[in-house]
Amino acid sequence: MEVKVDSGWAKAEAGDWLTGRAQPAAFTGKVTVKALKGFVVPDRAFVRSVKADGVIYCSASDAPFLTRLDALPDEPLHLVSEKLLLAPFASRSGAKAVKLIPFSFQRSTPVTEFKGGWAMAATKSRVTRVAIEDGDTLTVRPESVVAWIGNQPTGFCPRLSIWNVVLPCPPKNLAYTFHGPATVWFEGGCPPPTRRQRARMIVA
């Protein structure tokens, strides 16, 4: 299953697709959009199953940069679920929640896994790719991680106390550290909203 990309839009033909939760933005014919089923589905809140008998058009207004990521047949591609735009449904092989804070699921990152085929990511900035050699490491801010192939990253924090694990007060300078051999895709950093901005978002 192939897709055409033009001016920040992905155009796909009829078929079974996995898309972001606000997709498709437009379509011809009939489209059925459903949430994923299952008892434990970490990426359920971020992706949708789409069955289309016509053309679908996918684009994210807040993430205009599209990157195609090709999965290997014998090693999964891990894509941050929130950044998925479009992929063949048959390519999805599973999902997981990757911990950022050790021993805690606070601020864990839902990740969708693909084997064979491909997936299209939609990001707020351009994406770069870094290959990590065996024995080397790469540390990436959580909001910048897009996808990886290889070893699962570990959460990193310069100073972590027991209160950060027990209470909902995340520590500062959290990051993911990737250990080679691995290939990592990431985008530009984005500062977290201030307390005043968060209050405005809640009121709105």
Protein backbone atom coordinates (compact mmCIF):
# COMPACT_ATOMS: atom_id res chain seq x y z
CA MET A 1 0.00 0.00 0.00
CA GLU A 2 1.47 3.29 -1.10
CA VAL A 3 0.70 6.92 -0.36
CA LYS A 4 1.31 10.21 -2.17
CA VAL A 5 2.71 13.15 -0.20
CA ASP A 6 2.32 16.75 -1.36
CA SER A 7 2.45 20.08 0.54
CA GLY A 8 2.08 18.51 3.97
CA TRP A 9 -0.73 16.16 2.89
CA ALA A 10 -0.75 12.36 2.62
CA LYS A 11 -3.19 11.01 0.04
CA ALA A 12 -4.01 7.29 0.30
CA GLU A 13 -6.20 4.99 -1.74
CA ALA A 14 -8.96 2.69 -0.51
CA GLY A 15 -7.90 0.14 2.10
CA ASP A 16 -7.39 -0.52 5.81
CA TRP A 17 -5.31 2.15 7.49
CA LEU A 18 -4.01 3.16 10.90
CA THR A 19 -4.19 6.94 11.40
CA GLY A 20 -3.88 9.64 14.02
CA ARG A 21 -7.02 10.34 16.07
CA ALA A 22 -8.05 13.44 14.06
CA GLN A 23 -7.69 11.73 10.67
CA PRO A 24 -8.63 11.61 7.88
CA ALA A 25 -9.23 15.33 7.42
CA ALA A 26 -11.17 14.66 4.21
CA PHE A 27 -12.20 11.67 2.11
CA THR A 28 -14.22 10.46 -0.84
CA GLY A 29 -16.72 7.61 -0.65
CA LYS A 30 -17.38 5.90 2.66
CA VAL A 31 -15.01 5.81 5.62
CA THR A 32 -15.39 3.91 8.91
CA VAL A 33 -13.27 5.14 11.83
CA LYS A 34 -12.95 3.01 14.98
CA ALA A 35 -10.84 2.93 18.14
CA LEU A 36 -8.58 -0.09 18.60
CA LYS A 37 -10.04 -2.98 20.57
CA GLY A 38 -8.37 -5.00 23.30
CA PHE A 39 -7.89 -5.20 27.05
CA VAL A 40 -4.47 -3.50 27.19
CA VAL A 41 -3.91 -1.15 24.24
CA PRO A 42 -1.40 1.59 25.21
CA ASP A 43 -1.84 3.55 21.96
CA ARG A 44 -5.67 3.44 21.89
CA ALA A 45 -6.06 7.13 22.79
CA PHE A 46 -3.83 8.30 19.93
CA VAL A 47 -4.55 6.11 16.88
CA ARG A 48 -7.60 4.97 14.94
CA SER A 49 -8.49 2.13 12.60
CA VAL A 50 -9.78 3.49 9.30
CA LYS A 51 -11.51 1.45 6.59
CA ALA A 52 -11.97 3.43 3.38
CA ASP A 53 -13.53 2.57 0.04
CA GLY A 54 -12.33 5.83 -1.51
CA VAL A 55 -9.42 8.25 -1.22
CA ILE A 56 -8.45 9.67 2.19
CA TYR A 57 -6.51 12.88 2.81
CA CYS A 58 -4.50 13.14 6.03
CA SER A 59 -2.76 16.19 7.48
CA ALA A 60 -2.25 17.61 11.00
CA SER A 61 -2.67 21.37 11.34
CA ASP A 62 -0.26 21.58 14.30
CA ALA A 63 2.31 19.17 12.82
CA PRO A 64 2.93 20.08 9.14
CA PHE A 65 6.18 18.15 8.58
CA LEU A 66 5.73 14.61 7.25
CA THR A 67 8.39 11.90 7.45
CA ARG A 68 8.10 8.39 6.07
CA LEU A 69 9.74 5.74 8.26
CA ASP A 70 10.37 2.28 6.84
CA ALA A 71 10.12 -0.68 9.23
CA LEU A 72 12.42 -3.70 9.04
CA PRO A 73 10.92 -7.18 8.56
CA ASP A 74 12.76 -8.66 11.56
CA GLU A 75 13.09 -5.71 13.96
CA PRO A 76 10.23 -3.40 14.98
CA LEU A 77 10.01 0.30 14.31
CA HIS A 78 8.85 2.12 17.46
CA LEU A 79 6.89 5.29 16.64
CA VAL A 80 5.57 7.69 19.30
CA SER A 81 1.83 7.09 18.93
CA GLU A 82 0.90 10.76 19.24
CA LYS A 83 3.02 11.52 16.14
CA LEU A 84 1.50 8.90 13.84
CA LEU A 85 -0.29 10.32 10.80
CA LEU A 86 -0.83 7.29 8.57
CA ALA A 87 0.29 3.68 8.13
CA PRO A 88 -1.04 0.44 6.62
CA PHE A 89 -3.08 -1.20 9.37
CA ALA A 90 -1.44 -4.59 8.72
CA SER A 91 1.99 -3.15 9.58
CA ARG A 92 1.07 -2.55 13.23
CA SER A 93 2.56 -5.35 15.34
CA GLY A 94 1.77 -4.05 18.82
CA ALA A 95 2.15 -1.17 21.27
CA LYS A 96 3.76 -0.38 24.62
CA ALA A 97 4.14 2.40 27.17
CA VAL A 98 7.82 3.30 27.54
CA LYS A 99 8.68 4.54 31.03
CA LEU A 100 10.37 7.90 31.43
CA ILE A 101 10.52 7.83 35.25
CA PRO A 102 11.99 4.54 36.51
CA PHE A 103 9.51 2.29 38.37
CA SER A 104 6.62 4.64 37.52
CA PHE A 105 4.17 5.02 34.62
CA GLN A 106 3.99 8.78 35.17
CA ARG A 107 4.67 10.59 31.90
CA SER A 108 5.29 7.30 30.09
CA THR A 109 5.22 7.50 26.30
CA PRO A 110 2.71 5.36 24.33
CA VAL A 111 4.53 3.84 21.36
CA THR A 112 3.11 1.97 18.36
CA GLU A 113 5.24 -0.80 16.87
CA PHE A 114 5.50 -1.72 13.17
CA LYS A 115 7.15 -4.67 11.41
CA GLY A 116 7.60 -4.60 7.66
CA GLY A 117 5.89 -1.87 5.66
CA TRP A 118 6.10 1.76 6.70
CA ALA A 119 4.58 4.53 8.84
CA MET A 120 4.16 8.27 8.25
CA ALA A 121 4.96 10.63 11.13
CA ALA A 122 3.61 14.18 11.45
CA THR A 123 5.81 16.52 13.48
CA LYS A 124 6.01 20.20 14.41
CA SER A 125 9.50 20.59 12.98
CA ARG A 126 11.83 18.80 10.62
CA VAL A 127 13.10 15.39 11.68
CA THR A 128 16.72 14.25 11.81
CA ARG A 129 18.05 10.70 11.93
CA VAL A 130 21.02 9.51 14.00
CA ALA A 131 22.60 6.06 13.93
CA ILE A 132 24.14 5.04 17.28
CA GLU A 133 27.05 2.61 17.28
CA ASP A 134 27.29 -0.30 19.71
CA GLY A 135 28.42 1.02 23.08
CA ASP A 136 27.46 4.64 22.36
CA THR A 137 24.49 6.57 23.76
CA LEU A 138 22.23 9.42 22.66
CA THR A 139 20.06 11.44 25.06
CA VAL A 140 16.92 13.12 23.68
CA ARG A 141 14.27 15.34 25.27
CA PRO A 142 10.95 13.45 25.63
CA GLU A 143 8.93 15.81 23.43
CA SER A 144 11.53 15.52 20.64
CA VAL A 145 11.53 11.72 20.27
CA VAL A 146 9.76 10.59 17.10
CA ALA A 147 10.80 6.98 16.51
CA TRP A 148 13.58 4.44 16.86
CA ILE A 149 14.77 1.02 15.78
CA GLY A 150 16.89 -0.97 18.23
CA ASN A 151 17.23 -1.03 21.99
CA GLN A 152 14.48 0.50 24.10
CA PRO A 153 15.56 3.78 25.72
CA THR A 154 15.88 4.30 29.45
CA GLY A 155 14.62 7.29 31.41
CA PHE A 156 17.31 9.69 32.56
CA CYS A 157 17.17 12.41 35.22
CA PRO A 158 20.17 14.14 36.86
CA ARG A 159 18.37 14.08 40.20
CA LEU A 160 15.48 11.73 41.00
CA SER A 161 13.95 11.39 44.46
CA ILE A 162 11.45 8.89 45.83
CA TRP A 163 8.81 11.66 45.81
CA ASN A 164 9.07 11.90 42.03
CA VAL A 165 8.10 8.24 41.82
CA VAL A 166 5.30 8.33 44.38
CA LEU A 167 3.79 11.80 43.92
CA PRO A 168 2.55 13.47 40.68
CA CYS A 169 5.35 16.02 40.70
CA PRO A 170 7.65 15.31 37.74
CA PRO A 171 11.35 16.09 38.19
CA LYS A 172 13.15 18.59 35.99
CA ASN A 173 15.43 17.76 33.05
CA LEU A 174 13.89 14.40 32.24
CA ALA A 175 15.15 12.76 29.07
CA TYR A 176 15.37 9.46 27.22
CA THR A 177 18.76 7.83 26.72
CA PHE A 178 19.16 5.49 23.74
CA HIS A 179 21.84 2.81 23.78
CA GLY A 180 23.48 1.55 20.59
CA PRO A 181 23.20 -0.14 18.31
CA ALA A 182 20.08 1.83 17.38
CA THR A 183 18.68 4.34 14.91
CA VAL A 184 16.76 7.29 16.34
CA TRP A 185 14.59 9.95 14.70
CA PHE A 186 13.84 13.17 16.60
CA GLU A 187 12.48 16.67 16.02
CA GLY A 188 13.12 20.09 17.52
CA GLY A 189 12.54 20.79 21.20
CA CYS A 190 9.49 22.64 22.50
CA PRO A 191 9.42 24.41 25.89
CA PRO A 192 6.68 23.16 28.24
CA PRO A 193 3.78 25.58 28.85
CA THR A 194 4.05 27.88 31.84
CA ARG A 195 1.68 27.58 34.80
CA ARG A 196 -0.29 30.59 33.48
CA GLN A 197 -0.57 29.06 29.99
CA ARG A 198 -1.79 25.76 31.46
CA ALA A 199 -4.43 27.64 33.47
CA ARG A 200 -5.61 29.43 30.31
CA MET A 201 -5.88 26.12 28.45
CA ILE A 202 -8.00 24.65 31.25
CA VAL A 203 -10.32 27.70 31.27
CA ALA A 204 -10.63 27.60 27.48
